[in-house]
């Protein structure tokens, strides 16, 4: 994370506190955020750290917009995810399903043992989503934590910056990801190698790339390792996306920190006594 510049991020970075300080934190309206990214190939133009970096810059920007009294705390990111769909490409460092599941569950147990009641699994890698959706309920069952799930990509779905084709299919190394990396680390982007390739898969009623109705590997849908038109990207687009997403994310984090289930009394069945 971008901890070196201090400010609001450093104030909410949970590991900077001592054990005693964490014990004394008010936890009734507190949320712990666990960022989960990936380290995997992103074509010829983007760093393999892209997914994790995007999570960092989204949370940093949202952090700057949080109310001062919001009890929202950030853990260090898990920089490796379930990336086996990219395993044939150099620079992909993937965890197995079982390993990622075990790490996340262990950390959730630790969040609970530290006295917190709410946990957000925040991922910026699409390959993690299905597993984390399933895990959120398992964590709820085992630990009692109110467990939330959020995909970074959902934060800017309502923003129309690029072409309709790019918005629908630019899911990996396309204009959005390239623009966001440009906004934070322009020197990390090979602007002389910006690819443009979309999945050559016919979308029908029963077989849909967008709806994930079939399993795919990156080699099935792309020759260059990306999906999208990175040539549409720019630093200015990155700033626009970041501002829009950070505003949404800050509001969601505040809402999650205050969320609680209604207190229902157990249902009692009225039985007639003969």
Protein backbone atom coordinates (compact mmCIF):
# COMPACT_ATOMS: atom_id res chain seq x y z
CA UNK A 1 0.00 0.00 0.00
CA UNK A 2 0.98 3.60 -0.40
CA UNK A 3 1.97 4.01 3.23
CA UNK A 4 5.10 6.05 2.62
CA UNK A 5 3.20 9.31 2.16
CA UNK A 6 1.41 9.07 5.53
CA UNK A 7 -1.85 10.99 5.77
CA UNK A 8 -5.25 9.39 6.07
CA UNK A 9 -4.05 6.00 4.86
CA UNK A 10 -1.42 5.67 7.57
CA UNK A 11 -3.97 6.66 10.21
CA UNK A 12 -6.18 3.71 9.22
CA UNK A 13 -3.45 1.13 8.58
CA UNK A 14 -4.19 -1.40 11.32
CA UNK A 15 -0.70 -2.96 11.59
CA UNK A 16 0.86 0.37 12.59
CA UNK A 17 -0.91 0.03 15.98
CA UNK A 18 0.32 -1.93 18.97
CA UNK A 19 -1.51 -4.93 20.37
CA UNK A 20 -2.76 -2.86 23.31
CA UNK A 21 -4.01 -0.09 21.02
CA UNK A 22 -5.96 -2.59 18.93
CA UNK A 23 -7.50 -4.09 22.07
CA UNK A 24 -8.79 -0.64 23.07
CA UNK A 25 -10.30 0.27 19.69
CA UNK A 26 -14.08 0.75 19.68
CA UNK A 27 -15.39 -2.17 17.68
CA UNK A 28 -19.17 -1.85 17.77
CA UNK A 29 -19.14 0.19 14.54
CA UNK A 30 -15.79 -0.93 13.10
CA UNK A 31 -14.91 -2.59 9.78
CA UNK A 32 -11.70 -4.42 8.90
CA UNK A 33 -10.84 -4.47 5.19
CA UNK A 34 -8.78 -7.33 3.76
CA UNK A 35 -7.62 -6.46 0.21
CA UNK A 36 -7.05 -9.50 -2.02
CA UNK A 37 -5.37 -9.00 -5.36
CA UNK A 38 -3.16 -11.06 -7.66
CA UNK A 39 0.29 -11.16 -9.20
CA UNK A 40 -0.22 -12.35 -12.76
CA UNK A 41 0.52 -11.58 -16.38
CA UNK A 42 -1.23 -8.56 -17.86
CA UNK A 43 0.05 -8.66 -21.42
CA UNK A 44 3.06 -6.85 -22.82
CA UNK A 45 2.26 -3.41 -21.38
CA UNK A 46 1.22 -3.75 -17.72
CA UNK A 47 3.09 -4.96 -14.62
CA UNK A 48 2.19 -8.30 -13.11
CA UNK A 49 1.29 -6.41 -9.90
CA UNK A 50 -1.59 -4.64 -11.68
CA UNK A 51 -4.54 -6.15 -9.80
CA UNK A 52 -3.02 -5.63 -6.37
CA UNK A 53 -1.88 -2.11 -7.24
CA UNK A 54 -5.39 -1.15 -8.39
CA UNK A 55 -6.79 -2.34 -5.06
CA UNK A 56 -4.25 -0.21 -3.25
CA UNK A 57 -4.98 2.99 -5.15
CA UNK A 58 -8.76 2.52 -4.89
CA UNK A 59 -8.60 2.06 -1.12
CA UNK A 60 -6.14 4.94 -0.72
CA UNK A 61 -8.42 7.30 -2.64
CA UNK A 62 -11.50 6.13 -0.71
CA UNK A 63 -9.64 6.54 2.56
CA UNK A 64 -9.05 10.22 1.82
CA UNK A 65 -12.84 10.67 1.60
CA UNK A 66 -13.87 8.91 4.80
CA UNK A 67 -15.30 10.82 7.78
CA UNK A 68 -12.71 11.29 10.49
CA UNK A 69 -14.76 9.35 13.03
CA UNK A 70 -15.29 6.30 10.81
CA UNK A 71 -13.84 3.17 12.45
CA UNK A 72 -12.51 1.60 9.24
CA UNK A 73 -9.20 -0.25 9.32
CA UNK A 74 -7.08 -1.71 6.53
CA UNK A 75 -4.95 -4.85 6.60
CA UNK A 76 -1.99 -5.37 4.23
CA UNK A 77 -3.11 -6.84 0.92
CA UNK A 78 -2.80 -10.46 -0.04
CA UNK A 79 -0.84 -9.90 -3.24
CA UNK A 80 -1.40 -13.38 -4.65
CA UNK A 81 -4.70 -14.84 -5.81
CA UNK A 82 -6.23 -17.75 -7.68
CA UNK A 83 -4.75 -17.01 -11.10
CA UNK A 84 -4.50 -20.45 -12.69
CA UNK A 85 -6.36 -19.24 -15.79
CA UNK A 86 -3.15 -17.33 -16.60
CA UNK A 87 -0.71 -20.05 -15.49
CA UNK A 88 0.69 -20.66 -19.01
CA UNK A 89 2.05 -17.10 -19.17
CA UNK A 90 5.35 -16.04 -17.54
CA UNK A 91 4.97 -13.79 -14.52
CA UNK A 92 1.87 -15.48 -13.13
CA UNK A 93 2.29 -16.44 -9.47
CA UNK A 94 -0.87 -18.25 -8.44
CA UNK A 95 -2.22 -19.79 -5.28
CA UNK A 96 -4.36 -22.90 -5.41
CA UNK A 97 -7.99 -22.70 -4.38
CA UNK A 98 -7.23 -24.55 -1.15
CA UNK A 99 -4.28 -22.32 -0.25
CA UNK A 100 -6.10 -19.04 -0.81
CA UNK A 101 -9.13 -20.39 1.06
CA UNK A 102 -6.95 -21.40 3.99
CA UNK A 103 -5.11 -18.07 4.19
CA UNK A 104 -8.30 -16.00 4.06
CA UNK A 105 -10.05 -18.18 6.62
CA UNK A 106 -7.07 -18.02 9.00
CA UNK A 107 -7.00 -14.24 8.75
CA UNK A 108 -10.75 -14.04 9.33
CA UNK A 109 -10.33 -16.09 12.51
CA UNK A 110 -7.63 -13.65 13.61
CA UNK A 111 -9.88 -10.66 12.91
CA UNK A 112 -12.51 -12.23 15.15
CA UNK A 113 -10.06 -13.13 17.92
CA UNK A 114 -8.90 -9.49 17.96
CA UNK A 115 -12.44 -8.50 18.88
CA UNK A 116 -13.76 -7.15 15.59
CA UNK A 117 -17.26 -7.95 14.33
CA UNK A 118 -17.14 -6.96 10.63
CA UNK A 119 -14.85 -8.02 7.79
CA UNK A 120 -14.77 -6.98 4.15
CA UNK A 121 -13.13 -9.21 1.53
CA UNK A 122 -12.19 -6.66 -1.14
CA UNK A 123 -10.84 -8.16 -4.35
CA UNK A 124 -9.56 -6.59 -7.53
CA UNK A 125 -8.94 -9.84 -9.41
CA UNK A 126 -11.84 -11.50 -11.21
CA UNK A 127 -10.42 -14.98 -10.69
CA UNK A 128 -10.90 -14.64 -6.92
CA UNK A 129 -14.57 -13.72 -7.03
CA UNK A 130 -16.33 -17.07 -7.12
CA UNK A 131 -14.20 -18.53 -4.33
CA UNK A 132 -14.60 -15.48 -2.08
CA UNK A 133 -18.36 -15.42 -2.63
CA UNK A 134 -18.52 -18.96 -1.28
CA UNK A 135 -16.07 -18.26 1.53
CA UNK A 136 -17.92 -15.23 2.87
CA UNK A 137 -20.75 -17.45 4.11
CA UNK A 138 -18.35 -20.04 5.53
CA UNK A 139 -16.57 -17.29 7.46
CA UNK A 140 -19.90 -16.02 8.75
CA UNK A 141 -20.83 -19.52 9.92
CA UNK A 142 -17.52 -20.35 11.60
CA UNK A 143 -16.54 -17.01 13.15
CA UNK A 144 -19.80 -15.12 13.53
CA UNK A 145 -18.26 -12.15 11.70
CA UNK A 146 -20.54 -10.04 9.55
CA UNK A 147 -18.71 -10.77 6.32
CA UNK A 148 -18.97 -8.56 3.25
CA UNK A 149 -17.76 -9.08 -0.31
CA UNK A 150 -16.90 -6.38 -2.83
CA UNK A 151 -15.34 -6.48 -6.29
CA UNK A 152 -13.29 -3.44 -7.22
CA UNK A 153 -14.55 -3.58 -10.79
CA UNK A 154 -18.14 -3.10 -9.65
CA UNK A 155 -17.30 0.39 -8.39
CA UNK A 156 -17.04 1.93 -11.85
CA UNK A 157 -19.58 -0.10 -13.85
CA UNK A 158 -21.90 2.90 -14.06
CA UNK A 159 -19.24 5.14 -15.58
CA UNK A 160 -19.28 5.46 -19.38
CA UNK A 161 -15.77 6.52 -20.38
CA UNK A 162 -14.93 4.01 -23.11
CA UNK A 163 -16.71 2.31 -26.00
CA UNK A 164 -19.57 -0.11 -25.33
CA UNK A 165 -17.40 -3.01 -26.49
CA UNK A 166 -14.65 -2.00 -24.09
CA UNK A 167 -17.05 -1.63 -21.19
CA UNK A 168 -18.48 -5.10 -21.85
CA UNK A 169 -15.36 -7.09 -22.70
CA UNK A 170 -12.32 -5.10 -21.56
CA UNK A 171 -11.84 -7.23 -18.46
CA UNK A 172 -8.09 -7.89 -18.39
CA UNK A 173 -5.40 -5.39 -19.27
CA UNK A 174 -7.87 -3.25 -21.16
CA UNK A 175 -8.51 0.48 -21.05
CA UNK A 176 -9.79 0.64 -17.45
CA UNK A 177 -6.92 -1.24 -15.82
CA UNK A 178 -4.35 0.50 -18.00
CA UNK A 179 -5.77 3.93 -17.18
CA UNK A 180 -5.80 3.22 -13.45
CA UNK A 181 -2.19 2.04 -13.44
CA UNK A 182 -1.26 5.11 -15.52
CA UNK A 183 -2.87 7.36 -12.90
CA UNK A 184 -0.67 5.95 -10.12
CA UNK A 185 2.46 4.53 -11.75
CA UNK A 186 2.74 5.87 -15.33
CA UNK A 187 6.36 4.73 -15.49
CA UNK A 188 5.19 1.13 -15.03
CA UNK A 189 3.15 1.14 -18.28
CA UNK A 190 4.71 0.29 -21.65
CA UNK A 191 2.79 2.81 -23.73
CA UNK A 192 4.68 1.68 -26.85
CA UNK A 193 3.10 -1.79 -26.54
CA UNK A 194 -0.60 -1.10 -25.87
CA UNK A 195 -2.59 -4.10 -27.22
CA UNK A 196 -6.13 -4.29 -28.53
CA UNK A 197 -7.81 -7.69 -28.60
CA UNK A 198 -11.30 -8.84 -27.65
CA UNK A 199 -12.47 -12.40 -26.99
CA UNK A 200 -13.43 -14.06 -30.27
CA UNK A 201 -16.28 -15.98 -28.69
CA UNK A 202 -19.85 -15.69 -29.95
CA UNK A 203 -22.22 -14.63 -27.17
CA UNK A 204 -25.50 -16.50 -27.26
CA UNK A 205 -28.38 -17.25 -24.94
CA UNK A 206 -26.70 -20.27 -23.37
CA UNK A 207 -23.01 -19.67 -24.09
CA UNK A 208 -21.95 -16.25 -22.87
CA UNK A 209 -18.47 -14.92 -22.11
CA UNK A 210 -19.93 -11.96 -20.25
CA UNK A 211 -22.21 -14.10 -18.08
CA UNK A 212 -19.49 -16.69 -17.40
CA UNK A 213 -21.59 -19.61 -18.58
CA UNK A 214 -18.49 -21.53 -19.63
CA UNK A 215 -15.04 -21.92 -18.15
CA UNK A 216 -12.17 -20.31 -20.03
CA UNK A 217 -8.41 -19.94 -19.80
CA UNK A 218 -6.63 -16.89 -21.15
CA UNK A 219 -5.22 -18.95 -24.04
CA UNK A 220 -8.79 -19.81 -25.07
CA UNK A 221 -9.82 -16.18 -25.57
CA UNK A 222 -6.66 -14.16 -26.25
CA UNK A 223 -3.43 -14.50 -28.17
CA UNK A 224 -1.72 -11.54 -26.46
CA UNK A 225 -2.84 -12.28 -22.90
CA UNK A 226 -5.29 -9.40 -22.54
CA UNK A 227 -8.97 -8.69 -23.20
CA UNK A 228 -9.73 -5.12 -24.20
CA UNK A 229 -8.40 -2.11 -26.08
CA UNK A 230 -5.61 -0.58 -24.01
CA UNK A 231 -5.05 2.09 -26.66
CA UNK A 232 -8.13 3.90 -25.31
CA UNK A 233 -6.39 4.39 -21.95
CA UNK A 234 -5.00 7.65 -20.59
CA UNK A 235 -3.89 9.18 -17.29
CA UNK A 236 -6.87 11.55 -17.45
CA UNK A 237 -9.28 8.62 -17.84
CA UNK A 238 -7.57 6.99 -14.88
CA UNK A 239 -8.18 10.02 -12.69
CA UNK A 240 -11.83 10.12 -13.76
CA UNK A 241 -12.35 6.44 -12.97
CA UNK A 242 -10.50 6.75 -9.66
CA UNK A 243 -12.55 9.74 -8.51
CA UNK A 244 -15.83 8.02 -9.39
CA UNK A 245 -14.86 4.68 -7.81
CA UNK A 246 -13.40 6.23 -4.65
CA UNK A 247 -16.57 8.21 -4.00
CA UNK A 248 -18.63 5.03 -4.29
CA UNK A 249 -16.21 2.99 -2.20
CA UNK A 250 -16.04 5.47 0.67
CA UNK A 251 -19.84 5.44 0.95
CA UNK A 252 -19.96 1.64 0.87
CA UNK A 253 -17.30 1.31 3.58
CA UNK A 254 -19.19 3.65 5.92
CA UNK A 255 -22.42 1.72 5.32
CA UNK A 256 -20.74 -1.63 6.01
CA UNK A 257 -19.17 -0.36 9.24
CA UNK A 258 -22.65 0.52 10.53
CA UNK A 259 -24.46 -2.55 9.23
CA UNK A 260 -26.11 -5.00 11.57
CA UNK A 261 -28.78 -7.65 11.24
CA UNK A 262 -32.18 -6.95 12.76
CA UNK A 263 -32.68 -8.75 16.04
CA UNK A 264 -35.36 -11.34 15.36
CA UNK A 265 -36.97 -13.44 18.01
CA UNK A 266 -36.98 -17.15 17.18
CA UNK A 267 -40.16 -18.15 15.44
CA UNK A 268 -42.55 -20.05 17.70
CA UNK A 269 -45.09 -22.34 16.12
CA UNK A 270 -48.50 -22.16 17.73
CA UNK A 271 -49.66 -25.70 18.38
CA UNK A 272 -53.21 -26.51 19.30
CA UNK A 273 -53.47 -28.75 22.32
CA UNK A 274 -56.09 -31.44 21.76
